[in-house]
Amino acid sequence: MDNINGKMLTLALLVVGSFIGAAISITYRNIWVILLFVLLGFIIMGYGLSLKRKGGSDIQ
């Protein structure tokens, strides 16, 4: 772990946080918040994967 890519780490933590938010909103049975967090998680994940594909990260 010589080099940590801060941008990709932040994106990964945001994705995990959004799916945790979806799990918490499942306990409150609020469908709109569940859909919001799941959609937000997939959007952030897709953005991170597109950055990786374009070579915007140093991850091999």
PDB file of N, CA and C in Angstrom:
ATOM      1  N   MET A   1       0.829  -1.182   0.000  1.00  0.00           N
ATOM      2  CA  MET A   1       0.000   0.000   0.000  1.00  0.00           C
ATOM      3  C   MET A   1       0.872   1.244   0.000  1.00  0.00           C
ATOM      4  N   ASP A   2       1.653   1.383  -1.044  1.00  0.00           N
ATOM      5  CA  ASP A   2       2.523   2.542  -1.146  1.00  0.00           C
ATOM      6  C   ASP A   2       1.746   3.795  -1.508  1.00  0.00           C
ATOM      7  N   ASN A   3       0.799   3.649  -2.420  1.00  0.00           N
ATOM      8  CA  ASN A   3       0.125   4.820  -2.968  1.00  0.00           C
ATOM      9  C   ASN A   3      -1.392   4.623  -2.890  1.00  0.00           C
ATOM     10  N   ILE A   4      -2.067   5.543  -2.213  1.00  0.00           N
ATOM     11  CA  ILE A   4      -3.522   5.464  -2.089  1.00  0.00           C
ATOM     12  C   ILE A   4      -4.133   6.548  -2.962  1.00  0.00           C
ATOM     13  N   ASN A   5      -5.036   6.147  -3.848  1.00  0.00           N
ATOM     14  CA  ASN A   5      -5.716   7.096  -4.716  1.00  0.00           C
ATOM     15  C   ASN A   5      -6.924   7.656  -3.956  1.00  0.00           C
ATOM     16  N   GLY A   6      -6.809   8.907  -3.546  1.00  0.00           N
ATOM     17  CA  GLY A   6      -7.828   9.509  -2.702  1.00  0.00           C
ATOM     18  C   GLY A   6      -9.171   9.665  -3.382  1.00  0.00           C
ATOM     19  N   LYS A   7      -9.162   9.965  -4.683  1.00  0.00           N
ATOM     20  CA  LYS A   7     -10.422  10.160  -5.406  1.00  0.00           C
ATOM     21  C   LYS A   7     -11.217   8.863  -5.499  1.00  0.00           C
ATOM     22  N   MET A   8     -10.525   7.779  -5.826  1.00  0.00           N
ATOM     23  CA  MET A   8     -11.214   6.491  -5.940  1.00  0.00           C
ATOM     24  C   MET A   8     -11.645   5.976  -4.565  1.00  0.00           C
ATOM     25  N   LEU A   9     -10.848   6.248  -3.537  1.00  0.00           N
ATOM     26  CA  LEU A   9     -11.234   5.857  -2.186  1.00  0.00           C
ATOM     27  C   LEU A   9     -12.488   6.601  -1.749  1.00  0.00           C
ATOM     28  N   THR A  10     -12.554   7.886  -2.059  1.00  0.00           N
ATOM     29  CA  THR A  10     -13.734   8.677  -1.719  1.00  0.00           C
ATOM     30  C   THR A  10     -14.969   8.169  -2.453  1.00  0.00           C
ATOM     31  N   LEU A  11     -14.820   7.852  -3.728  1.00  0.00           N
ATOM     32  CA  LEU A  11     -15.954   7.315  -4.487  1.00  0.00           C
ATOM     33  C   LEU A  11     -16.416   5.972  -3.918  1.00  0.00           C
ATOM     34  N   ALA A  12     -15.467   5.127  -3.537  1.00  0.00           N
ATOM     35  CA  ALA A  12     -15.828   3.829  -2.970  1.00  0.00           C
ATOM     36  C   ALA A  12     -16.567   4.000  -1.645  1.00  0.00           C
ATOM     37  N   LEU A  13     -16.105   4.932  -0.823  1.00  0.00           N
ATOM     38  CA  LEU A  13     -16.784   5.167   0.452  1.00  0.00           C
ATOM     39  C   LEU A  13     -18.177   5.755   0.245  1.00  0.00           C
ATOM     40  N   LEU A  14     -18.341   6.592  -0.773  1.00  0.00           N
ATOM     41  CA  LEU A  14     -19.667   7.137  -1.076  1.00  0.00           C
ATOM     42  C   LEU A  14     -20.626   6.050  -1.540  1.00  0.00           C
ATOM     43  N   VAL A  15     -20.135   5.115  -2.338  1.00  0.00           N
ATOM     44  CA  VAL A  15     -20.984   4.005  -2.799  1.00  0.00           C
ATOM     45  C   VAL A  15     -21.400   3.129  -1.621  1.00  0.00           C
ATOM     46  N   VAL A  16     -20.445   2.798  -0.772  1.00  0.00           N
ATOM     47  CA  VAL A  16     -20.764   1.976   0.402  1.00  0.00           C
ATOM     48  C   VAL A  16     -21.748   2.712   1.304  1.00  0.00           C
ATOM     49  N   GLY A  17     -21.531   4.008   1.484  1.00  0.00           N
ATOM     50  CA  GLY A  17     -22.433   4.801   2.313  1.00  0.00           C
ATOM     51  C   GLY A  17     -23.836   4.878   1.760  1.00  0.00           C
ATOM     52  N   SER A  18     -23.945   4.972   0.433  1.00  0.00           N
ATOM     53  CA  SER A  18     -25.282   5.037  -0.147  1.00  0.00           C
ATOM     54  C   SER A  18     -26.021   3.705  -0.016  1.00  0.00           C
ATOM     55  N   PHE A  19     -25.307   2.588  -0.133  1.00  0.00           N
ATOM     56  CA  PHE A  19     -25.972   1.304   0.052  1.00  0.00           C
ATOM     57  C   PHE A  19     -26.301   1.053   1.526  1.00  0.00           C
ATOM     58  N   ILE A  20     -25.497   1.569   2.431  1.00  0.00           N
ATOM     59  CA  ILE A  20     -25.851   1.498   3.847  1.00  0.00           C
ATOM     60  C   ILE A  20     -27.088   2.349   4.115  1.00  0.00           C
ATOM     61  N   GLY A  21     -27.146   3.511   3.466  1.00  0.00           N
ATOM     62  CA  GLY A  21     -28.340   4.348   3.587  1.00  0.00           C
ATOM     63  C   GLY A  21     -29.575   3.657   3.061  1.00  0.00           C
ATOM     64  N   ALA A  22     -29.424   2.892   1.985  1.00  0.00           N
ATOM     65  CA  ALA A  22     -30.549   2.128   1.462  1.00  0.00           C
ATOM     66  C   ALA A  22     -30.985   1.061   2.460  1.00  0.00           C
ATOM     67  N   ALA A  23     -30.016   0.416   3.108  1.00  0.00           N
ATOM     68  CA  ALA A  23     -30.358  -0.614   4.093  1.00  0.00           C
ATOM     69  C   ALA A  23     -31.078  -0.008   5.297  1.00  0.00           C
ATOM     70  N   ILE A  24     -30.627   1.166   5.712  1.00  0.00           N
ATOM     71  CA  ILE A  24     -31.292   1.827   6.841  1.00  0.00           C
ATOM     72  C   ILE A  24     -32.698   2.256   6.454  1.00  0.00           C
ATOM     73  N   SER A  25     -32.857   2.755   5.225  1.00  0.00           N
ATOM     74  CA  SER A  25     -34.188   3.190   4.806  1.00  0.00           C
ATOM     75  C   SER A  25     -35.136   2.002   4.592  1.00  0.00           C
ATOM     76  N   ILE A  26     -34.589   0.808   4.369  1.00  0.00           N
ATOM     77  CA  ILE A  26     -35.438  -0.387   4.298  1.00  0.00           C
ATOM     78  C   ILE A  26     -36.079  -0.643   5.667  1.00  0.00           C
ATOM     79  N   THR A  27     -35.309  -0.400   6.725  1.00  0.00           N
ATOM     80  CA  THR A  27     -35.874  -0.615   8.058  1.00  0.00           C
ATOM     81  C   THR A  27     -36.999   0.365   8.365  1.00  0.00           C
ATOM     82  N   TYR A  28     -36.935   1.569   7.782  1.00  0.00           N
ATOM     83  CA  TYR A  28     -37.999   2.556   7.964  1.00  0.00           C
ATOM     84  C   TYR A  28     -39.127   2.402   6.936  1.00  0.00           C
ATOM     85  N   ARG A  29     -38.950   1.504   5.986  1.00  0.00           N
ATOM     86  CA  ARG A  29     -39.942   1.175   4.957  1.00  0.00           C
ATOM     87  C   ARG A  29     -40.366   2.396   4.146  1.00  0.00           C
ATOM     88  N   ASN A  30     -39.371   3.201   3.760  1.00  0.00           N
ATOM     89  CA  ASN A  30     -39.629   4.366   2.932  1.00  0.00           C
ATOM     90  C   ASN A  30     -39.092   4.080   1.531  1.00  0.00           C
ATOM     91  N   ILE A  31     -39.998   3.761   0.610  1.00  0.00           N
ATOM     92  CA  ILE A  31     -39.603   3.294  -0.718  1.00  0.00           C
ATOM     93  C   ILE A  31     -38.877   4.364  -1.516  1.00  0.00           C
ATOM     94  N   TRP A  32     -39.254   5.632  -1.341  1.00  0.00           N
ATOM     95  CA  TRP A  32     -38.626   6.695  -2.125  1.00  0.00           C
ATOM     96  C   TRP A  32     -37.174   6.913  -1.727  1.00  0.00           C
ATOM     97  N   VAL A  33     -36.905   6.815  -0.444  1.00  0.00           N
ATOM     98  CA  VAL A  33     -35.528   6.980   0.021  1.00  0.00           C
ATOM     99  C   VAL A  33     -34.690   5.763  -0.362  1.00  0.00           C
ATOM    100  N   ILE A  34     -35.305   4.584  -0.339  1.00  0.00           N
ATOM    101  CA  ILE A  34     -34.608   3.375  -0.777  1.00  0.00           C
ATOM    102  C   ILE A  34     -34.193   3.526  -2.237  1.00  0.00           C
ATOM    103  N   LEU A  35     -35.137   3.916  -3.070  1.00  0.00           N
ATOM    104  CA  LEU A  35     -34.830   4.088  -4.491  1.00  0.00           C
ATOM    105  C   LEU A  35     -33.786   5.172  -4.724  1.00  0.00           C
ATOM    106  N   LEU A  36     -33.855   6.252  -3.941  1.00  0.00           N
ATOM    107  CA  LEU A  36     -32.880   7.328  -4.073  1.00  0.00           C
ATOM    108  C   LEU A  36     -31.477   6.844  -3.758  1.00  0.00           C
ATOM    109  N   PHE A  37     -31.304   6.140  -2.635  1.00  0.00           N
ATOM    110  CA  PHE A  37     -29.974   5.674  -2.253  1.00  0.00           C
ATOM    111  C   PHE A  37     -29.436   4.610  -3.200  1.00  0.00           C
ATOM    112  N   VAL A  38     -30.289   3.697  -3.656  1.00  0.00           N
ATOM    113  CA  VAL A  38     -29.835   2.663  -4.588  1.00  0.00           C
ATOM    114  C   VAL A  38     -29.440   3.289  -5.916  1.00  0.00           C
ATOM    115  N   LEU A  39     -30.252   4.202  -6.418  1.00  0.00           N
ATOM    116  CA  LEU A  39     -29.927   4.872  -7.672  1.00  0.00           C
ATOM    117  C   LEU A  39     -28.653   5.696  -7.539  1.00  0.00           C
ATOM    118  N   LEU A  40     -28.516   6.408  -6.446  1.00  0.00           N
ATOM    119  CA  LEU A  40     -27.311   7.196  -6.211  1.00  0.00           C
ATOM    120  C   LEU A  40     -26.077   6.295  -6.123  1.00  0.00           C
ATOM    121  N   GLY A  41     -26.207   5.149  -5.483  1.00  0.00           N
ATOM    122  CA  GLY A  41     -25.088   4.204  -5.387  1.00  0.00           C
ATOM    123  C   GLY A  41     -24.659   3.694  -6.747  1.00  0.00           C
ATOM    124  N   PHE A  42     -25.620   3.349  -7.589  1.00  0.00           N
ATOM    125  CA  PHE A  42     -25.270   2.855  -8.925  1.00  0.00           C
ATOM    126  C   PHE A  42     -24.693   3.955  -9.808  1.00  0.00           C
ATOM    127  N   ILE A  43     -25.173   5.173  -9.661  1.00  0.00           N
ATOM    128  CA  ILE A  43     -24.635   6.281 -10.448  1.00  0.00           C
ATOM    129  C   ILE A  43     -23.184   6.559 -10.055  1.00  0.00           C
ATOM    130  N   ILE A  44     -22.909   6.600  -8.759  1.00  0.00           N
ATOM    131  CA  ILE A  44     -21.543   6.850  -8.305  1.00  0.00           C
ATOM    132  C   ILE A  44     -20.624   5.703  -8.701  1.00  0.00           C
ATOM    133  N   MET A  45     -21.126   4.462  -8.604  1.00  0.00           N
ATOM    134  CA  MET A  45     -20.328   3.317  -8.995  1.00  0.00           C
ATOM    135  C   MET A  45     -20.015   3.340 -10.488  1.00  0.00           C
ATOM    136  N   GLY A  46     -20.994   3.698 -11.299  1.00  0.00           N
ATOM    137  CA  GLY A  46     -20.762   3.796 -12.734  1.00  0.00           C
ATOM    138  C   GLY A  46     -19.771   4.885 -13.073  1.00  0.00           C
ATOM    139  N   TYR A  47     -19.833   6.005 -12.355  1.00  0.00           N
ATOM    140  CA  TYR A  47     -18.873   7.078 -12.573  1.00  0.00           C
ATOM    141  C   TYR A  47     -17.458   6.615 -12.234  1.00  0.00           C
ATOM    142  N   GLY A  48     -17.308   5.900 -11.128  1.00  0.00           N
ATOM    143  CA  GLY A  48     -15.993   5.383 -10.743  1.00  0.00           C
ATOM    144  C   GLY A  48     -15.455   4.370 -11.738  1.00  0.00           C
ATOM    145  N   LEU A  49     -16.317   3.506 -12.240  1.00  0.00           N
ATOM    146  CA  LEU A  49     -15.872   2.527 -13.234  1.00  0.00           C
ATOM    147  C   LEU A  49     -15.493   3.191 -14.541  1.00  0.00           C
ATOM    148  N   SER A  50     -16.210   4.249 -14.926  1.00  0.00           N
ATOM    149  CA  SER A  50     -15.849   4.955 -16.148  1.00  0.00           C
ATOM    150  C   SER A  50     -14.518   5.689 -15.985  1.00  0.00           C
ATOM    151  N   LEU A  51     -14.252   6.218 -14.790  1.00  0.00           N
ATOM    152  CA  LEU A  51     -12.951   6.846 -14.543  1.00  0.00           C
ATOM    153  C   LEU A  51     -11.821   5.818 -14.635  1.00  0.00           C
ATOM    154  N   LYS A  52     -12.070   4.636 -14.096  1.00  0.00           N
ATOM    155  CA  LYS A  52     -11.048   3.586 -14.138  1.00  0.00           C
ATOM    156  C   LYS A  52     -10.792   3.134 -15.563  1.00  0.00           C
ATOM    157  N   ARG A  53     -11.857   3.015 -16.354  1.00  0.00           N
ATOM    158  CA  ARG A  53     -11.718   2.580 -17.732  1.00  0.00           C
ATOM    159  C   ARG A  53     -10.947   3.597 -18.559  1.00  0.00           C
ATOM    160  N   LYS A  54     -11.175   4.883 -18.310  1.00  0.00           N
ATOM    161  CA  LYS A  54     -10.491   5.939 -19.053  1.00  0.00           C
ATOM    162  C   LYS A  54      -9.039   6.126 -18.609  1.00  0.00           C
ATOM    163  N   GLY A  55      -8.667   5.481 -17.538  1.00  0.00           N
ATOM    164  CA  GLY A  55      -7.302   5.606 -17.059  1.00  0.00           C
ATOM    165  C   GLY A  55      -7.131   6.756 -16.097  1.00  0.00           C
ATOM    166  N   GLY A  56      -8.227   7.196 -15.489  1.00  0.00           N
ATOM    167  CA  GLY A  56      -8.165   8.301 -14.553  1.00  0.00           C
ATOM    168  C   GLY A  56      -7.677   7.908 -13.180  1.00  0.00           C
ATOM    169  N   SER A  57      -7.374   6.626 -12.991  1.00  0.00           N
ATOM    170  CA  SER A  57      -6.869   6.191 -11.699  1.00  0.00           C
ATOM    171  C   SER A  57      -5.604   5.364 -11.922  1.00  0.00           C
ATOM    172  N   ASP A  58      -4.874   5.186 -10.872  1.00  0.00           N
ATOM    173  CA  ASP A  58      -3.635   4.417 -10.960  1.00  0.00           C
ATOM    174  C   ASP A  58      -3.836   2.963 -10.587  1.00  0.00           C
ATOM    175  N   ILE A  59      -5.081   2.528 -10.454  1.00  0.00           N
ATOM    176  CA  ILE A  59      -5.377   1.155 -10.084  1.00  0.00           C
ATOM    177  C   ILE A  59      -5.154   0.264 -11.299  1.00  0.00           C
ATOM    178  N   GLN A  60      -4.427  -0.824 -11.138  1.00  0.00           N
ATOM    179  CA  GLN A  60      -4.123  -1.722 -12.243  1.00  0.00           C
ATOM    180  C   GLN A  60      -5.131  -2.837 -12.312  1.00  0.00           C
TER     181      GLN A  60
END
